[in-house]
Protein backbone atom coordinates (compact mmCIF):
# COMPACT_ATOMS: atom_id res chain seq x y z
CA UNK A 1 7.09 13.95 4.53
CA UNK A 2 9.51 13.41 7.55
CA UNK A 3 11.95 15.93 6.14
CA UNK A 4 9.33 18.77 6.43
CA UNK A 5 8.33 18.15 9.91
CA UNK A 6 10.83 20.72 11.33
CA UNK A 7 9.94 23.40 8.68
CA UNK A 8 7.96 26.27 10.09
CA UNK A 9 6.72 27.00 6.46
CA UNK A 10 5.45 23.56 5.97
CA UNK A 11 3.70 23.29 9.40
CA UNK A 12 1.95 26.46 8.83
CA UNK A 13 0.85 25.54 5.13
CA UNK A 14 -0.57 22.19 6.74
CA UNK A 15 -2.33 23.74 9.66
CA UNK A 16 -3.96 26.61 7.49
CA UNK A 17 -4.87 24.41 4.49
CA UNK A 18 -8.27 23.00 3.83
CA UNK A 19 -8.77 19.42 4.51
CA UNK A 20 -9.48 17.28 1.56
CA UNK A 21 -11.65 14.07 1.99
CA UNK A 22 -10.60 11.49 -0.45
CA UNK A 23 -12.90 8.51 -1.29
CA UNK A 24 -11.59 5.31 -0.38
CA UNK A 25 -10.27 2.73 -2.91
CA UNK A 26 -12.57 -0.11 -4.30
CA UNK A 27 -11.02 -3.26 -2.66
CA UNK A 28 -11.52 -5.39 -6.01
CA UNK A 29 -9.90 -2.78 -7.89
CA UNK A 30 -6.96 -2.83 -5.12
CA UNK A 31 -6.71 -6.64 -5.63
CA UNK A 32 -6.74 -6.61 -9.40
CA UNK A 33 -4.21 -3.71 -9.48
CA UNK A 34 -1.92 -5.96 -7.19
CA UNK A 35 -2.40 -8.89 -9.52
CA UNK A 36 -1.23 -6.83 -12.59
CA UNK A 37 1.85 -5.41 -10.60
CA UNK A 38 3.15 -8.72 -9.51
CA UNK A 39 2.28 -10.67 -12.55
CA UNK A 40 4.11 -7.95 -14.81
CA UNK A 41 6.86 -8.13 -12.36
CA UNK A 42 7.11 -11.95 -13.00
CA UNK A 43 5.91 -12.89 -9.51
CA UNK A 44 3.51 -15.27 -8.33
CA UNK A 45 0.77 -14.24 -6.00
CA UNK A 46 -2.19 -16.40 -4.67
CA UNK A 47 -5.68 -15.21 -5.08
CA UNK A 48 -6.32 -15.30 -1.26
CA UNK A 49 -3.29 -13.12 -0.76
CA UNK A 50 -4.70 -10.56 -3.12
CA UNK A 51 -7.67 -10.16 -0.99
CA UNK A 52 -5.96 -10.20 2.35
CA UNK A 53 -3.46 -7.43 1.09
CA UNK A 54 -6.69 -5.56 -0.40
CA UNK A 55 -8.40 -5.71 3.13
CA UNK A 56 -5.17 -4.70 4.75
CA UNK A 57 -5.15 -1.30 2.88
CA UNK A 58 -8.49 -0.65 4.27
CA UNK A 59 -8.97 1.12 0.81
CA UNK A 60 -6.54 3.82 1.71
CA UNK A 61 -4.39 4.79 -1.17
CA UNK A 62 -1.45 5.45 0.83
CA UNK A 63 -1.48 2.10 2.57
CA UNK A 64 -1.98 0.58 -0.96
CA UNK A 65 1.31 2.06 -1.96
CA UNK A 66 3.19 1.27 1.47
CA UNK A 67 2.00 -2.37 1.20
CA UNK A 68 2.92 -2.75 -2.40
CA UNK A 69 6.40 -1.30 -1.77
CA UNK A 70 6.96 -3.58 1.18
CA UNK A 71 6.03 -6.75 -0.70
CA UNK A 72 7.93 -5.73 -3.78
CA UNK A 73 10.97 -4.86 -2.06
CA UNK A 74 11.05 -7.95 -0.28
CA UNK A 75 12.03 -9.77 -3.46
CA UNK A 76 9.65 -12.58 -2.62
CA UNK A 77 9.19 -14.50 -6.01
CA UNK A 78 5.98 -16.48 -4.81
CA UNK A 79 3.74 -14.53 -2.40
CA UNK A 80 1.66 -16.54 -0.42
CA UNK A 81 -0.03 -16.23 2.93
CA UNK A 82 3.09 -17.28 4.86
CA UNK A 83 5.57 -14.66 3.32
CA UNK A 84 2.70 -12.04 3.67
CA UNK A 85 2.31 -12.71 7.30
CA UNK A 86 6.04 -12.40 7.73
CA UNK A 87 5.68 -8.85 6.07
CA UNK A 88 2.58 -7.35 7.47
CA UNK A 89 3.87 -6.49 10.91
CA UNK A 90 6.43 -4.17 9.32
């Protein structure tokens, strides 16, 4: 999105577009998705961390994706409360 901020056509499109209201993601589903993603990637993630990460998203799909990317790109093999606490401020 940042690359489009200076584009007048994009700005006009956004201003004149109808707003969509998207439902929030279910936090249990978010936690299960994180579990599947990190298990498939051969990473260990504590169950309490799954709950914390799901709650941190607030149910927003965009937050789910950003947090997932942030944790994944850290290359942490064991995700626990300590490693998550170091990543969350970012």
